[in-house]
Amino acid sequence: MVESLRELLTELEQFGQENDAAISDRLRRMLNITRDTGEFLSVLTQATNAKRVLEIGTSNGYSTLWFAQAAQKIAGHVTTVELSEHKFDMAAKNFERSGLSDYITPLQCDAGELLESVDDSSFDLLFLDSNRSEYLQWWPNIKRVLREGGLLVVDNATSHADEMAAFIELVSADSGFTTCTVPVGKGEFLATRCGG
C-alpha cells in the first residue's frame, strides 16, 4: 500500500470516528468499519481471488478503499452502492484522492433495486454494511447474484447481534451455504455459497 493511501485511510478513519461522536443523526454518521475489518476484507479478497466485489453501503468510501487496494493487486474490481447523495459525493472525492478510481464503480441507487437487476452469479464477494432491516428481503437476490464458491461478508454480526439474528439464522439454515462468525471489528458473518 502506498504511503498516500495509508495516510488517506488514517484520515478517513479519524474523520469517521470524530464525525460519529459529534453527530447523533444516523443518516449523517459514517458508520465505518474498523481498521482491522478493513485489513481482514483486503486479505479475504486477495486470498479468495475475488475479482468481482459488490459492496452495499459505501458511506464515505473507507471500506471501499480496502477492497480497491486488494482489487488492484489481483486485477479485480469493486462495485459499491450508496443511496445517500451526501455520502456518495464524499466517497467519490475520496476515490479520486486514492488513485484507485480505475478499480471502483460507485453507484448512487437503491441496493434492493440493483440486486434485482443484476445477472446471476455476477459477484465473487458481496459485502453488506447497510440497512440491516433490508437484508431478509434482499436474501433471494443475494443468493442469486453470488457465484458458486462466492463469499458473503456481513458487518455488525456481534455489535448488532439482535438486529442480525433473523438474517444470520436464515442464511445459516440454507443448505447451499457454509457459515461462520469471525470476531474481527464489530463481528463479521461469513457465508460461502457451496458449489455443485
C-alpha atoms as a PDB file:
ATOM      1  CA  MET A   1       0.000   0.000   0.000  1.00  0.00           C
ATOM      2  CA  VAL A   2       1.444   3.359  -0.994  1.00  0.00           C
ATOM      3  CA  GLU A   3       2.070   5.843   1.793  1.00  0.00           C
ATOM      4  CA  SER A   4      -0.511   8.307   0.470  1.00  0.00           C
ATOM      5  CA  LEU A   5      -3.207   5.618   0.600  1.00  0.00           C
ATOM      6  CA  ARG A   6      -2.188   4.753   4.155  1.00  0.00           C
ATOM      7  CA  GLU A   7      -2.476   8.415   5.057  1.00  0.00           C
ATOM      8  CA  LEU A   8      -5.874   8.722   3.371  1.00  0.00           C
ATOM      9  CA  LEU A   9      -7.202   5.638   5.175  1.00  0.00           C
ATOM     10  CA  THR A  10      -5.969   7.015   8.507  1.00  0.00           C
ATOM     11  CA  GLU A  11      -7.565  10.386   7.744  1.00  0.00           C
ATOM     12  CA  LEU A  12     -10.909   8.767   6.842  1.00  0.00           C
ATOM     13  CA  GLU A  13     -10.785   6.524   9.889  1.00  0.00           C
ATOM     14  CA  GLN A  14     -10.223   9.522  12.178  1.00  0.00           C
ATOM     15  CA  PHE A  15     -12.857  11.600  10.397  1.00  0.00           C
ATOM     16  CA  GLY A  16     -15.406   8.808  10.766  1.00  0.00           C
ATOM     17  CA  GLN A  17     -14.737   8.433  14.482  1.00  0.00           C
ATOM     18  CA  GLU A  18     -14.843  12.184  15.173  1.00  0.00           C
ATOM     19  CA  ASN A  19     -17.895  12.760  12.969  1.00  0.00           C
ATOM     20  CA  ASP A  20     -19.867   9.901  14.507  1.00  0.00           C
ATOM     21  CA  ALA A  21     -19.022  11.004  18.053  1.00  0.00           C
ATOM     22  CA  ALA A  22     -20.331  14.507  17.331  1.00  0.00           C
ATOM     23  CA  ILE A  23     -23.461  13.679  15.305  1.00  0.00           C
ATOM     24  CA  SER A  24     -26.490  11.756  16.522  1.00  0.00           C
ATOM     25  CA  ASP A  25     -28.359  11.666  13.180  1.00  0.00           C
ATOM     26  CA  ARG A  26     -27.671   8.154  11.843  1.00  0.00           C
ATOM     27  CA  LEU A  27     -28.034   9.307   8.232  1.00  0.00           C
ATOM     28  CA  ARG A  28     -25.160  11.795   8.675  1.00  0.00           C
ATOM     29  CA  ARG A  29     -22.881   9.376  10.517  1.00  0.00           C
ATOM     30  CA  MET A  30     -20.204   7.479   8.574  1.00  0.00           C
ATOM     31  CA  LEU A  31     -20.611   4.200  10.499  1.00  0.00           C
ATOM     32  CA  ASN A  32     -17.330   2.942   9.041  1.00  0.00           C
ATOM     33  CA  ILE A  33     -15.859  -0.489   9.536  1.00  0.00           C
ATOM     34  CA  THR A  34     -12.907  -0.792  11.901  1.00  0.00           C
ATOM     35  CA  ARG A  35      -9.336  -0.807  10.602  1.00  0.00           C
ATOM     36  CA  ASP A  36      -8.865  -4.490  11.460  1.00  0.00           C
ATOM     37  CA  THR A  37     -12.018  -5.264   9.485  1.00  0.00           C
ATOM     38  CA  GLY A  38     -10.558  -3.391   6.516  1.00  0.00           C
ATOM     39  CA  GLU A  39      -7.359  -5.404   6.750  1.00  0.00           C
ATOM     40  CA  PHE A  40      -9.415  -8.609   7.056  1.00  0.00           C
ATOM     41  CA  LEU A  41     -11.513  -7.744   3.983  1.00  0.00           C
ATOM     42  CA  SER A  42      -8.408  -6.938   1.964  1.00  0.00           C
ATOM     43  CA  VAL A  43      -6.813 -10.275   2.851  1.00  0.00           C
ATOM     44  CA  LEU A  44     -10.075 -12.163   2.171  1.00  0.00           C
ATOM     45  CA  THR A  45     -10.443 -10.512  -1.227  1.00  0.00           C
ATOM     46  CA  GLN A  46      -6.923 -11.451  -2.242  1.00  0.00           C
ATOM     47  CA  ALA A  47      -6.949 -14.951  -0.705  1.00  0.00           C
ATOM     48  CA  THR A  48     -10.196 -15.884  -2.469  1.00  0.00           C
ATOM     49  CA  ASN A  49      -9.145 -14.092  -5.673  1.00  0.00           C
ATOM     50  CA  ALA A  50     -12.464 -12.214  -5.577  1.00  0.00           C
ATOM     51  CA  LYS A  51     -12.135 -10.174  -8.749  1.00  0.00           C
ATOM     52  CA  ARG A  52     -15.785  -9.067  -8.770  1.00  0.00           C
ATOM     53  CA  VAL A  53     -16.773  -7.436  -5.474  1.00  0.00           C
ATOM     54  CA  LEU A  54     -20.115  -5.824  -4.656  1.00  0.00           C
ATOM     55  CA  GLU A  55     -20.228  -3.589  -1.598  1.00  0.00           C
ATOM     56  CA  ILE A  56     -23.623  -2.457  -0.339  1.00  0.00           C
ATOM     57  CA  GLY A  57     -23.137   0.589   1.873  1.00  0.00           C
ATOM     58  CA  THR A  58     -20.337   2.829   0.591  1.00  0.00           C
ATOM     59  CA  SER A  59     -20.616   5.587   3.191  1.00  0.00           C
ATOM     60  CA  ASN A  60     -17.584   7.855   2.679  1.00  0.00           C
ATOM     61  CA  GLY A  61     -15.641   5.128   0.863  1.00  0.00           C
ATOM     62  CA  TYR A  62     -13.415   3.940   3.715  1.00  0.00           C
ATOM     63  CA  SER A  63     -14.272   0.249   3.346  1.00  0.00           C
ATOM     64  CA  THR A  64     -14.348   0.538  -0.444  1.00  0.00           C
ATOM     65  CA  LEU A  65     -10.707   1.603  -0.472  1.00  0.00           C
ATOM     66  CA  TRP A  66      -9.702  -1.581   1.389  1.00  0.00           C
ATOM     67  CA  PHE A  67     -11.431  -3.614  -1.324  1.00  0.00           C
ATOM     68  CA  ALA A  68      -9.991  -1.448  -4.102  1.00  0.00           C
ATOM     69  CA  GLN A  69      -6.379  -1.778  -2.977  1.00  0.00           C
ATOM     70  CA  ALA A  70      -6.898  -5.563  -2.932  1.00  0.00           C
ATOM     71  CA  ALA A  71      -8.578  -5.407  -6.355  1.00  0.00           C
ATOM     72  CA  GLN A  72      -5.574  -3.545  -7.732  1.00  0.00           C
ATOM     73  CA  LYS A  73      -3.300  -6.424  -6.693  1.00  0.00           C
ATOM     74  CA  ILE A  74      -5.436  -9.156  -8.303  1.00  0.00           C
ATOM     75  CA  ALA A  75      -6.745  -7.271 -11.363  1.00  0.00           C
ATOM     76  CA  GLY A  76     -10.194  -7.107  -9.810  1.00  0.00           C
ATOM     77  CA  HIS A  77     -12.935  -4.512  -9.472  1.00  0.00           C
ATOM     78  CA  VAL A  78     -15.326  -3.319  -6.778  1.00  0.00           C
ATOM     79  CA  THR A  79     -18.824  -2.016  -7.429  1.00  0.00           C
ATOM     80  CA  THR A  80     -20.119  -0.033  -4.470  1.00  0.00           C
ATOM     81  CA  VAL A  81     -23.647   1.181  -3.794  1.00  0.00           C
ATOM     82  CA  GLU A  82     -24.769   4.136  -1.675  1.00  0.00           C
ATOM     83  CA  LEU A  83     -28.224   5.709  -1.520  1.00  0.00           C
ATOM     84  CA  SER A  84     -27.267   8.907   0.363  1.00  0.00           C
ATOM     85  CA  GLU A  85     -26.209  11.681  -2.011  1.00  0.00           C
ATOM     86  CA  HIS A  86     -24.131  13.324   0.734  1.00  0.00           C
ATOM     87  CA  LYS A  87     -22.108  10.162   1.403  1.00  0.00           C
ATOM     88  CA  PHE A  88     -21.905   9.259  -2.286  1.00  0.00           C
ATOM     89  CA  ASP A  89     -20.343  12.651  -3.081  1.00  0.00           C
ATOM     90  CA  MET A  90     -17.865  12.334  -0.206  1.00  0.00           C
ATOM     91  CA  ALA A  91     -16.875   8.858  -1.381  1.00  0.00           C
ATOM     92  CA  ALA A  92     -16.383   9.994  -4.984  1.00  0.00           C
ATOM     93  CA  LYS A  93     -13.886  12.623  -3.824  1.00  0.00           C
ATOM     94  CA  ASN A  94     -12.075  10.081  -1.655  1.00  0.00           C
ATOM     95  CA  PHE A  95     -11.849   7.604  -4.540  1.00  0.00           C
ATOM     96  CA  GLU A  96     -10.294  10.290  -6.723  1.00  0.00           C
ATOM     97  CA  ARG A  97      -7.779  11.152  -3.996  1.00  0.00           C
ATOM     98  CA  SER A  98      -6.855   7.494  -3.534  1.00  0.00           C
ATOM     99  CA  GLY A  99      -5.644   6.913  -7.075  1.00  0.00           C
ATOM    100  CA  LEU A 100      -7.780   3.745  -7.162  1.00  0.00           C
ATOM    101  CA  SER A 101     -10.732   5.061  -9.185  1.00  0.00           C
ATOM    102  CA  ASP A 102      -9.974   2.653 -12.042  1.00  0.00           C
ATOM    103  CA  TYR A 103     -10.841  -0.228  -9.709  1.00  0.00           C
ATOM    104  CA  ILE A 104     -14.104   1.245  -8.381  1.00  0.00           C
ATOM    105  CA  THR A 105     -17.561   1.710  -9.892  1.00  0.00           C
ATOM    106  CA  PRO A 106     -19.620   3.841  -7.480  1.00  0.00           C
ATOM    107  CA  LEU A 107     -23.397   3.743  -7.905  1.00  0.00           C
ATOM    108  CA  GLN A 108     -25.908   6.009  -6.200  1.00  0.00           C
ATOM    109  CA  CYS A 109     -29.052   3.904  -6.123  1.00  0.00           C
ATOM    110  CA  ASP A 110     -31.286   1.662  -4.049  1.00  0.00           C
ATOM    111  CA  ALA A 111     -29.427  -1.565  -3.287  1.00  0.00           C
ATOM    112  CA  GLY A 112     -32.560  -3.711  -3.440  1.00  0.00           C
ATOM    113  CA  GLU A 113     -33.364  -2.448  -6.929  1.00  0.00           C
ATOM    114  CA  LEU A 114     -29.780  -3.017  -8.037  1.00  0.00           C
ATOM    115  CA  LEU A 115     -29.787  -6.585  -6.706  1.00  0.00           C
ATOM    116  CA  GLU A 116     -32.978  -7.289  -8.668  1.00  0.00           C
ATOM    117  CA  SER A 117     -31.389  -6.079 -11.909  1.00  0.00           C
ATOM    118  CA  VAL A 118     -28.009  -7.842 -11.676  1.00  0.00           C
ATOM    119  CA  ASP A 119     -27.348 -11.082 -13.592  1.00  0.00           C
ATOM    120  CA  ASP A 120     -26.989 -14.416 -11.815  1.00  0.00           C
ATOM    121  CA  SER A 121     -23.520 -15.260 -10.448  1.00  0.00           C
ATOM    122  CA  SER A 122     -22.228 -11.737 -11.115  1.00  0.00           C
ATOM    123  CA  PHE A 123     -20.070 -11.430  -7.992  1.00  0.00           C
ATOM    124  CA  ASP A 124     -17.312 -13.374  -6.237  1.00  0.00           C
ATOM    125  CA  LEU A 125     -17.673 -11.476  -2.952  1.00  0.00           C
ATOM    126  CA  LEU A 126     -20.591  -9.458  -1.607  1.00  0.00           C
ATOM    127  CA  PHE A 127     -20.159  -7.192   1.425  1.00  0.00           C
ATOM    128  CA  LEU A 128     -23.204  -5.962   3.342  1.00  0.00           C
ATOM    129  CA  ASP A 129     -22.844  -2.924   5.588  1.00  0.00           C
ATOM    130  CA  SER A 130     -26.126  -1.165   5.076  1.00  0.00           C
ATOM    131  CA  ASN A 131     -29.675  -1.010   6.410  1.00  0.00           C
ATOM    132  CA  ARG A 132     -29.879  -4.307   8.303  1.00  0.00           C
ATOM    133  CA  SER A 133     -33.682  -4.332   8.198  1.00  0.00           C
ATOM    134  CA  GLU A 134     -33.477  -4.868   4.416  1.00  0.00           C
ATOM    135  CA  TYR A 135     -31.226  -7.930   4.461  1.00  0.00           C
ATOM    136  CA  LEU A 136     -34.000 -10.521   4.807  1.00  0.00           C
ATOM    137  CA  GLN A 137     -35.854  -9.270   1.750  1.00  0.00           C
ATOM    138  CA  TRP A 138     -32.603  -8.971  -0.229  1.00  0.00           C
ATOM    139  CA  TRP A 139     -31.586 -12.561   0.555  1.00  0.00           C
ATOM    140  CA  PRO A 140     -33.119 -14.280  -2.534  1.00  0.00           C
ATOM    141  CA  ASN A 141     -31.249 -11.891  -4.839  1.00  0.00           C
ATOM    142  CA  ILE A 142     -28.049 -12.016  -2.790  1.00  0.00           C
ATOM    143  CA  LYS A 143     -28.033 -15.799  -3.259  1.00  0.00           C
ATOM    144  CA  ARG A 144     -28.710 -15.429  -6.962  1.00  0.00           C
ATOM    145  CA  VAL A 145     -26.006 -12.849  -7.747  1.00  0.00           C
ATOM    146  CA  LEU A 146     -23.274 -14.618  -5.745  1.00  0.00           C
ATOM    147  CA  ARG A 147     -21.428 -17.240  -7.793  1.00  0.00           C
ATOM    148  CA  GLU A 148     -20.929 -20.795  -6.577  1.00  0.00           C
ATOM    149  CA  GLY A 149     -17.962 -20.695  -4.227  1.00  0.00           C
ATOM    150  CA  GLY A 150     -18.576 -16.988  -3.700  1.00  0.00           C
ATOM    151  CA  LEU A 151     -18.401 -15.316  -0.312  1.00  0.00           C
ATOM    152  CA  LEU A 152     -20.914 -13.154   1.537  1.00  0.00           C
ATOM    153  CA  VAL A 153     -19.464 -10.982   4.324  1.00  0.00           C
ATOM    154  CA  VAL A 154     -21.809  -9.066   6.625  1.00  0.00           C
ATOM    155  CA  ASP A 155     -20.606  -6.425   9.085  1.00  0.00           C
ATOM    156  CA  ASN A 156     -22.030  -5.847  12.588  1.00  0.00           C
ATOM    157  CA  ALA A 157     -22.696  -9.526  13.360  1.00  0.00           C
ATOM    158  CA  THR A 158     -21.815  -9.108  17.034  1.00  0.00           C
ATOM    159  CA  SER A 159     -22.192  -5.351  17.618  1.00  0.00           C
ATOM    160  CA  HIS A 160     -25.815  -5.521  16.451  1.00  0.00           C
ATOM    161  CA  ALA A 161     -26.496  -9.188  17.185  1.00  0.00           C
ATOM    162  CA  ASP A 162     -30.211  -8.658  17.896  1.00  0.00           C
ATOM    163  CA  GLU A 163     -30.770  -6.884  14.574  1.00  0.00           C
ATOM    164  CA  MET A 164     -28.736  -9.512  12.722  1.00  0.00           C
ATOM    165  CA  ALA A 165     -30.174 -12.633  14.405  1.00  0.00           C
ATOM    166  CA  ALA A 166     -33.001 -13.395  11.958  1.00  0.00           C
ATOM    167  CA  PHE A 167     -30.781 -12.890   8.907  1.00  0.00           C
ATOM    168  CA  ILE A 168     -27.946 -14.987  10.324  1.00  0.00           C
ATOM    169  CA  GLU A 169     -30.432 -17.726  11.207  1.00  0.00           C
ATOM    170  CA  LEU A 170     -31.926 -17.660   7.697  1.00  0.00           C
ATOM    171  CA  VAL A 171     -28.561 -17.885   5.940  1.00  0.00           C
ATOM    172  CA  SER A 172     -27.191 -20.484   8.361  1.00  0.00           C
ATOM    173  CA  ALA A 173     -30.251 -22.688   7.753  1.00  0.00           C
ATOM    174  CA  ASP A 174     -29.720 -22.594   3.973  1.00  0.00           C
ATOM    175  CA  SER A 175     -28.104 -25.889   2.925  1.00  0.00           C
ATOM    176  CA  GLY A 176     -26.455 -24.113  -0.002  1.00  0.00           C
ATOM    177  CA  PHE A 177     -24.205 -22.109   2.326  1.00  0.00           C
ATOM    178  CA  THR A 178     -21.500 -22.765   4.908  1.00  0.00           C
ATOM    179  CA  THR A 179     -21.300 -20.043   7.562  1.00  0.00           C
ATOM    180  CA  CYS A 180     -19.297 -18.729  10.488  1.00  0.00           C
ATOM    181  CA  THR A 181     -18.886 -15.552  12.517  1.00  0.00           C
ATOM    182  CA  VAL A 182     -15.408 -14.092  12.873  1.00  0.00           C
ATOM    183  CA  PRO A 183     -14.591 -11.896  15.913  1.00  0.00           C
ATOM    184  CA  VAL A 184     -12.995  -9.069  13.944  1.00  0.00           C
ATOM    185  CA  GLY A 185     -14.104  -5.473  14.424  1.00  0.00           C
ATOM    186  CA  LYS A 186     -17.850  -5.374  15.004  1.00  0.00           C
ATOM    187  CA  GLY A 187     -18.154  -9.058  14.099  1.00  0.00           C
ATOM    188  CA  GLU A 188     -18.109 -10.379  10.543  1.00  0.00           C
ATOM    189  CA  PHE A 189     -20.640 -13.013   9.467  1.00  0.00           C
ATOM    190  CA  LEU A 190     -19.288 -15.069   6.569  1.00  0.00           C
ATOM    191  CA  ALA A 191     -21.261 -17.366   4.283  1.00  0.00           C
ATOM    192  CA  THR A 192     -19.788 -19.175   1.310  1.00  0.00           C
ATOM    193  CA  ARG A 193     -22.048 -20.474  -1.437  1.00  0.00           C
ATOM    194  CA  CYS A 194     -21.391 -24.183  -1.836  1.00  0.00           C
ATOM    195  CA  GLY A 195     -20.622 -25.432  -5.329  1.00  0.00           C
ATOM    196  CA  GLY A 196     -22.483 -28.270  -7.036  1.00  0.00           C
END
